[in-house]
Amino acid sequence: MKRTALLLLFTTLLAMFVWADDAYQNGKIVKWENGTYATGSKKHPTNNWVVYQLQGADNSTYSIARKKETKPEMQAGDAVQYQMKKSNEITVIRANGKKQTYQIVGQTAAPTPTTAPAQ
């Protein structure tokens, strides 16, 4: 009986950690623009892609893009959910439920509040 209860407790705790790891944050698309990336090919040295500006919950802005995307699938003002996967990847869930993985091609940190100098 104790073994079963301990196993149940361990399973529940493990599930809680997995659920916490998969938490998405809310964000919004601020704008999109066309950009280019280097392919490494001499015949076609660059290709076009769409670069989105994703504003996160902490007011950080990420420039994200996906090589296969040449036409915008999100518009400015669209609400999304996102999760950092690796240091250079982010998973985005759009309002229609479609999930895509994007590369992070740039990032700007949230502005730090400044205080006025004492007079």
Protein backbone atom coordinates (compact mmCIF):
# COMPACT_ATOMS: atom_id res chain seq x y z
CA MET A 1 0.00 0.00 0.00
CA LYS A 2 2.78 2.43 0.90
CA ARG A 3 4.60 1.59 -2.31
CA THR A 4 1.49 2.34 -4.40
CA ALA A 5 0.91 5.65 -2.63
CA LEU A 6 4.55 6.62 -3.07
CA LEU A 7 4.44 5.73 -6.76
CA LEU A 8 1.25 7.77 -7.21
CA LEU A 9 2.80 10.76 -5.43
CA PHE A 10 5.97 10.53 -7.51
CA THR A 11 3.98 10.32 -10.75
CA THR A 12 1.89 13.36 -9.77
CA LEU A 13 4.98 15.41 -8.93
CA LEU A 14 6.65 14.44 -12.19
CA ALA A 15 3.56 15.43 -14.14
CA MET A 16 3.53 18.83 -12.41
CA PHE A 17 7.13 19.50 -13.44
CA VAL A 18 6.42 18.49 -17.04
CA TRP A 19 3.34 20.72 -17.13
CA ALA A 20 5.28 23.68 -15.72
CA ASP A 21 7.98 23.20 -18.35
CA ASP A 22 5.42 23.36 -21.18
CA ALA A 23 3.89 26.67 -20.08
CA TYR A 24 3.41 29.19 -22.86
CA GLN A 25 3.56 32.96 -22.44
CA ASN A 26 1.26 35.49 -24.06
CA GLY A 27 2.62 37.87 -26.66
CA LYS A 28 1.60 39.81 -29.73
CA ILE A 29 2.93 40.44 -33.18
CA VAL A 30 4.00 44.08 -33.41
CA LYS A 31 4.84 44.11 -37.13
CA TRP A 32 6.26 42.03 -39.95
CA GLU A 33 8.62 42.82 -42.79
CA ASN A 34 10.36 41.06 -45.65
CA GLY A 35 13.96 40.08 -45.05
CA THR A 36 16.69 37.94 -46.59
CA TYR A 37 18.97 35.22 -45.28
CA ALA A 38 22.17 33.72 -46.61
CA THR A 39 21.82 30.23 -48.08
CA GLY A 40 25.49 29.36 -48.53
CA SER A 41 24.88 28.61 -52.20
CA LYS A 42 26.89 30.39 -54.89
CA LYS A 43 24.02 30.16 -57.39
CA HIS A 44 21.43 31.63 -55.00
CA PRO A 45 23.35 33.38 -52.17
CA THR A 46 20.21 34.77 -50.47
CA ASN A 47 16.54 33.86 -50.10
CA ASN A 48 13.55 35.87 -48.89
CA TRP A 49 11.61 35.25 -45.71
CA VAL A 50 9.13 37.05 -43.48
CA VAL A 51 10.54 38.48 -40.23
CA TYR A 52 8.04 39.10 -37.41
CA GLN A 53 8.52 41.32 -34.38
CA LEU A 54 7.07 39.42 -31.39
CA GLN A 55 6.55 41.44 -28.21
CA GLY A 56 6.73 39.22 -25.15
CA ALA A 57 5.03 39.47 -21.79
CA ASP A 58 8.09 41.23 -20.32
CA ASN A 59 8.12 43.81 -23.17
CA SER A 60 11.16 42.16 -24.79
CA THR A 61 10.88 42.08 -28.57
CA TYR A 62 12.05 39.08 -30.58
CA SER A 63 12.67 39.12 -34.32
CA ILE A 64 11.56 35.69 -35.50
CA ALA A 65 11.50 34.07 -38.93
CA ARG A 66 10.97 30.72 -40.62
CA LYS A 67 12.85 29.82 -43.81
CA LYS A 68 9.85 28.23 -45.54
CA GLU A 69 7.59 31.24 -44.93
CA THR A 70 7.67 33.79 -47.76
CA LYS A 71 4.15 35.21 -47.30
CA PRO A 72 3.01 36.63 -43.94
CA GLU A 73 0.80 34.26 -41.95
CA MET A 74 0.42 36.65 -38.99
CA GLN A 75 -0.47 40.32 -38.94
CA ALA A 76 0.39 43.22 -36.63
CA GLY A 77 -1.78 43.07 -33.51
CA ASP A 78 -2.30 39.29 -33.62
CA ALA A 79 -2.26 37.71 -30.16
CA VAL A 80 -0.07 34.61 -29.89
CA GLN A 81 1.36 32.29 -27.27
CA TYR A 82 5.05 31.48 -27.35
CA GLN A 83 7.62 29.30 -25.65
CA MET A 84 11.39 29.42 -25.87
CA LYS A 85 12.75 26.07 -27.06
CA LYS A 86 16.47 26.64 -27.40
CA SER A 87 18.60 29.76 -27.32
CA ASN A 88 17.76 30.37 -30.99
CA GLU A 89 14.31 28.77 -31.38
CA ILE A 90 10.83 29.76 -30.29
CA THR A 91 7.52 27.92 -30.71
CA VAL A 92 4.51 30.10 -31.52
CA ILE A 93 0.83 29.14 -31.29
CA ARG A 94 -1.36 31.44 -33.36
CA ALA A 95 -4.99 32.33 -32.55
CA ASN A 96 -6.23 29.59 -34.92
CA GLY A 97 -4.28 26.98 -32.91
CA LYS A 98 -1.56 26.37 -35.51
CA LYS A 99 1.84 25.75 -33.90
CA GLN A 100 5.10 26.67 -35.70
CA THR A 101 8.75 26.78 -34.70
CA TYR A 102 10.65 29.93 -35.67
CA GLN A 103 14.29 30.96 -35.50
CA ILE A 104 15.17 33.94 -33.34
CA VAL A 105 17.12 36.26 -35.65
CA GLY A 106 17.24 39.25 -33.29
CA GLN A 107 16.18 40.45 -29.87
CA THR A 108 15.79 43.73 -28.03
CA ALA A 109 15.53 43.79 -24.27
CA ALA A 110 12.80 45.62 -22.44
CA PRO A 111 13.78 49.18 -21.56
CA THR A 112 14.89 49.53 -17.98
CA PRO A 113 13.13 52.22 -15.97
CA THR A 114 15.31 55.21 -15.30
CA THR A 115 14.99 57.61 -12.47
CA ALA A 116 15.40 61.31 -12.87
CA PRO A 117 18.57 62.73 -11.28
CA ALA A 118 18.07 64.43 -7.95
CA GLN A 119 18.20 68.19 -8.06
